[in-house]
């Protein structure tokens, strides 16, 4: 499962029996040893990233096996299976009193 707000991406993956879970995607060169998720007591593994606006592909890598997140923004056939799609939109705009649009800094 993925939640995106103002460039902050929260990944959540249920795999209670896993020993190690990583996120790999085109945003990190598909490295399976770089973005380790944290295990929660409820069996969910989580990770929060800051990403610039764009469309990305990713998958979870748990104990040597790839997993697709079908609850993400869609899937796309990749070279080695179905990749999950992540859509990070630009930060929301707000209008100042003078009417000029300004970007709101991501938290």
N, C-alpha and C. Protein backbone atom coordinates (compact mmCIF):
# COMPACT_ATOMS: atom_id res chain seq x y z
N UNK A 1 0.85 -1.16 0.00
CA UNK A 1 0.00 0.00 0.00
C UNK A 1 0.91 1.24 0.00
N UNK A 2 0.47 2.28 -0.71
CA UNK A 2 1.26 3.49 -0.82
C UNK A 2 0.38 4.69 -0.53
N UNK A 3 0.90 5.63 0.25
CA UNK A 3 0.22 6.89 0.50
C UNK A 3 1.19 8.02 0.13
N UNK A 4 0.72 8.98 -0.68
CA UNK A 4 1.57 10.07 -1.14
C UNK A 4 0.93 11.39 -0.76
N UNK A 5 1.74 12.27 -0.15
CA UNK A 5 1.25 13.61 0.18
C UNK A 5 2.41 14.59 0.12
N UNK A 6 2.32 15.55 -0.80
CA UNK A 6 3.33 16.61 -0.95
C UNK A 6 4.76 16.08 -1.05
N UNK A 7 4.96 15.05 -1.85
CA UNK A 7 6.29 14.50 -2.08
C UNK A 7 6.74 13.48 -1.04
N UNK A 8 5.98 13.33 0.04
CA UNK A 8 6.30 12.32 1.04
C UNK A 8 5.55 11.04 0.69
N UNK A 9 6.29 9.96 0.50
CA UNK A 9 5.70 8.68 0.11
C UNK A 9 5.84 7.71 1.27
N UNK A 10 4.71 7.17 1.71
CA UNK A 10 4.70 6.18 2.78
C UNK A 10 4.34 4.82 2.19
N UNK A 11 5.29 3.89 2.25
CA UNK A 11 5.08 2.53 1.77
C UNK A 11 4.71 1.65 2.96
N UNK A 12 3.79 0.73 2.74
CA UNK A 12 3.38 -0.21 3.78
C UNK A 12 3.14 -1.57 3.11
N UNK A 13 3.78 -2.62 3.64
CA UNK A 13 3.74 -3.94 3.02
C UNK A 13 3.56 -5.00 4.10
N UNK A 14 2.52 -5.80 4.00
CA UNK A 14 2.22 -6.82 5.00
C UNK A 14 2.95 -8.11 4.67
N UNK A 15 3.91 -8.45 5.48
CA UNK A 15 4.67 -9.69 5.31
C UNK A 15 5.23 -10.07 6.68
N UNK A 16 4.36 -10.54 7.59
CA UNK A 16 4.79 -10.77 8.97
C UNK A 16 5.90 -11.79 9.15
N UNK A 17 6.01 -12.76 8.24
CA UNK A 17 7.02 -13.80 8.39
C UNK A 17 8.37 -13.42 7.79
N UNK A 18 8.47 -12.28 7.12
CA UNK A 18 9.71 -11.88 6.45
C UNK A 18 10.80 -11.52 7.46
N UNK A 19 12.04 -11.79 7.06
CA UNK A 19 13.20 -11.41 7.87
C UNK A 19 13.74 -10.04 7.47
N UNK A 20 13.60 -9.70 6.18
CA UNK A 20 14.07 -8.40 5.68
C UNK A 20 13.25 -8.03 4.45
N UNK A 21 12.82 -6.77 4.39
CA UNK A 21 12.05 -6.27 3.25
C UNK A 21 12.68 -4.96 2.79
N UNK A 22 12.86 -4.83 1.48
CA UNK A 22 13.43 -3.63 0.88
C UNK A 22 12.47 -3.11 -0.19
N UNK A 23 12.61 -1.83 -0.50
CA UNK A 23 11.91 -1.24 -1.65
C UNK A 23 12.96 -1.00 -2.71
N UNK A 24 12.66 -1.41 -3.93
CA UNK A 24 13.55 -1.16 -5.06
C UNK A 24 12.71 -0.59 -6.19
N UNK A 25 13.28 0.37 -6.91
CA UNK A 25 12.56 0.96 -8.03
C UNK A 25 13.47 1.81 -8.88
N UNK A 26 12.90 2.43 -9.89
CA UNK A 26 13.73 3.26 -10.75
C UNK A 26 14.22 4.51 -10.03
N UNK A 27 13.66 4.84 -8.87
CA UNK A 27 14.13 5.99 -8.08
C UNK A 27 15.41 5.69 -7.31
N UNK A 28 15.82 4.41 -7.22
CA UNK A 28 17.08 4.06 -6.57
C UNK A 28 17.90 3.06 -7.39
N UNK A 29 17.65 3.02 -8.70
CA UNK A 29 18.41 2.13 -9.57
C UNK A 29 18.10 0.66 -9.36
N UNK A 30 16.94 0.36 -8.81
CA UNK A 30 16.48 -1.01 -8.54
C UNK A 30 17.43 -1.75 -7.59
N UNK A 31 18.08 -1.03 -6.71
CA UNK A 31 18.98 -1.67 -5.74
C UNK A 31 18.16 -2.36 -4.66
N UNK A 32 18.49 -3.59 -4.39
CA UNK A 32 17.75 -4.39 -3.40
C UNK A 32 18.40 -4.38 -2.03
N UNK A 33 19.40 -3.54 -1.84
CA UNK A 33 20.10 -3.50 -0.55
C UNK A 33 20.16 -2.09 0.04
N UNK A 34 19.38 -1.18 -0.49
CA UNK A 34 19.53 0.23 -0.12
C UNK A 34 18.41 0.75 0.79
N UNK A 35 17.17 0.46 0.48
CA UNK A 35 16.03 1.04 1.20
C UNK A 35 15.31 -0.04 2.01
N UNK A 36 15.88 -0.35 3.17
CA UNK A 36 15.28 -1.37 4.02
C UNK A 36 14.08 -0.79 4.77
N UNK A 37 13.01 -1.55 4.79
CA UNK A 37 11.80 -1.15 5.50
C UNK A 37 11.90 -1.57 6.96
N UNK A 38 11.09 -0.92 7.82
CA UNK A 38 11.06 -1.25 9.25
C UNK A 38 9.85 -2.11 9.55
N UNK A 39 10.07 -3.17 10.32
CA UNK A 39 8.98 -4.07 10.69
C UNK A 39 8.23 -3.52 11.90
N UNK A 40 6.90 -3.52 11.80
CA UNK A 40 6.07 -3.12 12.93
C UNK A 40 5.53 -4.35 13.65
N UNK A 41 5.02 -4.19 14.85
CA UNK A 41 4.50 -5.32 15.62
C UNK A 41 3.26 -5.96 14.99
N UNK A 42 2.62 -5.24 14.06
CA UNK A 42 1.40 -5.75 13.42
C UNK A 42 1.68 -6.55 12.15
N UNK A 43 2.98 -6.76 11.81
CA UNK A 43 3.33 -7.52 10.62
C UNK A 43 3.52 -6.67 9.38
N UNK A 44 3.26 -5.37 9.48
CA UNK A 44 3.47 -4.46 8.35
C UNK A 44 4.89 -3.92 8.39
N UNK A 45 5.49 -3.85 7.22
CA UNK A 45 6.79 -3.23 7.03
C UNK A 45 6.53 -1.86 6.42
N UNK A 46 7.21 -0.82 6.92
CA UNK A 46 6.96 0.54 6.45
C UNK A 46 8.26 1.25 6.12
N UNK A 47 8.14 2.24 5.25
CA UNK A 47 9.26 3.09 4.88
C UNK A 47 8.69 4.40 4.34
N UNK A 48 9.31 5.51 4.69
CA UNK A 48 8.89 6.82 4.20
C UNK A 48 10.03 7.45 3.42
N UNK A 49 9.72 7.93 2.21
CA UNK A 49 10.71 8.57 1.34
C UNK A 49 10.22 9.93 0.89
N UNK A 50 11.15 10.83 0.59
CA UNK A 50 10.84 12.10 -0.07
C UNK A 50 11.26 11.93 -1.53
N UNK A 51 10.33 12.11 -2.45
CA UNK A 51 10.64 11.97 -3.87
C UNK A 51 10.14 13.19 -4.63
N UNK A 52 10.89 13.61 -5.65
CA UNK A 52 10.39 14.70 -6.49
C UNK A 52 9.19 14.23 -7.31
N UNK A 53 8.42 15.18 -7.80
CA UNK A 53 7.25 14.84 -8.61
C UNK A 53 7.68 13.99 -9.80
N UNK A 54 6.86 13.00 -10.12
CA UNK A 54 7.14 12.12 -11.24
C UNK A 54 6.38 10.82 -11.12
N UNK A 55 6.52 10.00 -12.13
CA UNK A 55 5.91 8.66 -12.14
C UNK A 55 7.06 7.66 -12.04
N UNK A 56 6.96 6.76 -11.09
CA UNK A 56 8.01 5.80 -10.81
C UNK A 56 7.47 4.38 -10.85
N UNK A 57 8.39 3.43 -11.05
CA UNK A 57 8.07 2.00 -10.94
C UNK A 57 8.83 1.46 -9.73
N UNK A 58 8.20 0.52 -9.02
CA UNK A 58 8.85 -0.06 -7.85
C UNK A 58 8.28 -1.44 -7.56
N UNK A 59 8.99 -2.16 -6.70
CA UNK A 59 8.52 -3.45 -6.17
C UNK A 59 9.12 -3.63 -4.78
N UNK A 60 8.52 -4.52 -4.02
CA UNK A 60 9.07 -4.90 -2.73
C UNK A 60 9.95 -6.13 -2.93
N UNK A 61 11.02 -6.22 -2.15
CA UNK A 61 11.94 -7.35 -2.23
C UNK A 61 12.08 -7.92 -0.82
N UNK A 62 11.45 -9.06 -0.58
CA UNK A 62 11.42 -9.67 0.76
C UNK A 62 12.08 -11.04 0.73
N UNK A 63 13.14 -11.18 1.49
CA UNK A 63 13.84 -12.46 1.62
C UNK A 63 14.15 -13.11 0.27
N UNK A 64 14.59 -12.30 -0.68
CA UNK A 64 15.00 -12.82 -1.98
C UNK A 64 13.89 -12.98 -3.00
N UNK A 65 12.67 -12.57 -2.68
CA UNK A 65 11.53 -12.70 -3.60
C UNK A 65 10.93 -11.33 -3.88
N UNK A 66 10.58 -11.09 -5.15
CA UNK A 66 9.95 -9.84 -5.56
C UNK A 66 8.45 -9.90 -5.35
N UNK A 67 7.87 -8.78 -4.93
CA UNK A 67 6.42 -8.66 -4.74
C UNK A 67 5.92 -7.37 -5.37
N UNK A 68 4.78 -7.47 -6.04
CA UNK A 68 4.13 -6.31 -6.66
C UNK A 68 3.07 -5.77 -5.72
N UNK A 69 2.97 -4.45 -5.64
CA UNK A 69 1.94 -3.79 -4.83
C UNK A 69 0.77 -3.45 -5.75
N UNK A 70 -0.24 -4.31 -5.76
CA UNK A 70 -1.40 -4.09 -6.62
C UNK A 70 -2.33 -3.01 -6.09
N UNK A 71 -2.07 -2.52 -4.87
CA UNK A 71 -2.87 -1.44 -4.29
C UNK A 71 -2.24 -0.07 -4.57
N UNK A 72 -1.17 -0.04 -5.37
CA UNK A 72 -0.52 1.23 -5.70
C UNK A 72 -1.33 1.95 -6.79
N UNK A 73 -0.67 2.74 -7.61
CA UNK A 73 -1.34 3.54 -8.63
C UNK A 73 -1.50 2.79 -9.95
N UNK A 74 -1.36 1.49 -9.92
CA UNK A 74 -1.46 0.67 -11.11
C UNK A 74 -0.24 -0.22 -11.21
N UNK A 75 -0.21 -1.04 -12.25
CA UNK A 75 0.92 -1.93 -12.50
C UNK A 75 1.29 -1.84 -13.97
N UNK A 76 2.53 -2.22 -14.26
CA UNK A 76 3.04 -2.17 -15.62
C UNK A 76 3.95 -3.38 -15.81
N UNK A 77 3.81 -4.10 -16.94
CA UNK A 77 4.70 -5.24 -17.15
C UNK A 77 6.14 -4.78 -17.29
N UNK A 78 7.00 -5.29 -16.43
CA UNK A 78 8.41 -4.96 -16.48
C UNK A 78 9.20 -6.13 -17.05
N UNK A 79 10.49 -5.99 -17.07
CA UNK A 79 11.36 -7.01 -17.65
C UNK A 79 11.29 -8.32 -16.86
N UNK A 80 11.05 -8.24 -15.54
CA UNK A 80 11.06 -9.43 -14.70
C UNK A 80 9.75 -9.67 -13.98
N UNK A 81 8.67 -9.10 -14.46
CA UNK A 81 7.37 -9.26 -13.82
C UNK A 81 6.62 -7.95 -13.78
N UNK A 82 5.54 -7.93 -13.04
CA UNK A 82 4.71 -6.73 -12.95
C UNK A 82 5.31 -5.74 -11.96
N UNK A 83 5.55 -4.52 -12.43
CA UNK A 83 6.05 -3.44 -11.57
C UNK A 83 4.88 -2.61 -11.08
N UNK A 84 4.97 -2.14 -9.85
CA UNK A 84 3.96 -1.24 -9.29
C UNK A 84 4.26 0.18 -9.77
N UNK A 85 3.21 0.97 -9.94
CA UNK A 85 3.35 2.35 -10.39
C UNK A 85 3.15 3.27 -9.19
N UNK A 86 4.00 4.28 -9.09
CA UNK A 86 3.92 5.30 -8.05
C UNK A 86 3.83 6.65 -8.74
N UNK A 87 2.81 7.43 -8.40
CA UNK A 87 2.60 8.75 -9.00
C UNK A 87 2.76 9.81 -7.92
N UNK A 88 3.86 10.55 -7.98
CA UNK A 88 4.11 11.64 -7.03
C UNK A 88 3.80 12.94 -7.75
N UNK A 89 2.79 13.63 -7.27
CA UNK A 89 2.38 14.89 -7.90
C UNK A 89 3.18 16.06 -7.33
N UNK A 90 3.26 17.15 -8.09
CA UNK A 90 3.94 18.34 -7.56
C UNK A 90 3.24 18.83 -6.29
N UNK A 91 3.99 19.50 -5.40
CA UNK A 91 3.36 20.05 -4.20
C UNK A 91 2.18 20.95 -4.56
N UNK A 92 1.21 20.99 -3.67
CA UNK A 92 0.02 21.80 -3.91
C UNK A 92 0.40 23.28 -3.97
N UNK A 93 -0.37 24.02 -4.74
CA UNK A 93 -0.15 25.46 -4.86
C UNK A 93 -1.14 26.19 -3.98
N UNK A 94 -0.72 27.33 -3.47
CA UNK A 94 -1.65 28.18 -2.75
C UNK A 94 -1.56 29.57 -3.34
N UNK A 95 -2.62 30.32 -3.26
CA UNK A 95 -2.66 31.66 -3.83
C UNK A 95 -2.46 32.67 -2.70
N UNK A 96 -1.51 33.57 -2.91
CA UNK A 96 -1.28 34.61 -1.91
C UNK A 96 -2.35 35.69 -2.03
N UNK A 97 -2.32 36.64 -1.11
CA UNK A 97 -3.30 37.73 -1.15
C UNK A 97 -3.18 38.56 -2.41
N UNK A 98 -2.02 38.59 -2.98
CA UNK A 98 -1.81 39.37 -4.21
C UNK A 98 -2.21 38.59 -5.45
N UNK A 99 -2.56 37.33 -5.28
CA UNK A 99 -3.03 36.54 -6.42
C UNK A 99 -1.95 35.74 -7.11
N UNK A 100 -0.71 35.84 -6.67
CA UNK A 100 0.37 35.09 -7.30
C UNK A 100 0.44 33.70 -6.68
N UNK A 101 0.61 32.69 -7.50
CA UNK A 101 0.70 31.31 -7.01
C UNK A 101 2.08 31.09 -6.42
N UNK A 102 2.12 30.40 -5.30
CA UNK A 102 3.38 30.06 -4.65
C UNK A 102 3.36 28.58 -4.31
N UNK A 103 4.51 27.93 -4.44
CA UNK A 103 4.58 26.53 -4.05
C UNK A 103 4.68 26.44 -2.54
N UNK A 104 3.95 25.50 -2.00
CA UNK A 104 4.03 25.23 -0.58
C UNK A 104 5.14 24.22 -0.37
N UNK A 105 6.06 24.53 0.51
CA UNK A 105 7.19 23.62 0.76
C UNK A 105 6.67 22.33 1.37
N UNK A 106 7.22 21.21 0.88
CA UNK A 106 6.85 19.91 1.43
C UNK A 106 7.41 19.79 2.84
N UNK A 107 6.63 19.20 3.71
CA UNK A 107 7.06 19.05 5.11
C UNK A 107 8.13 18.01 5.24
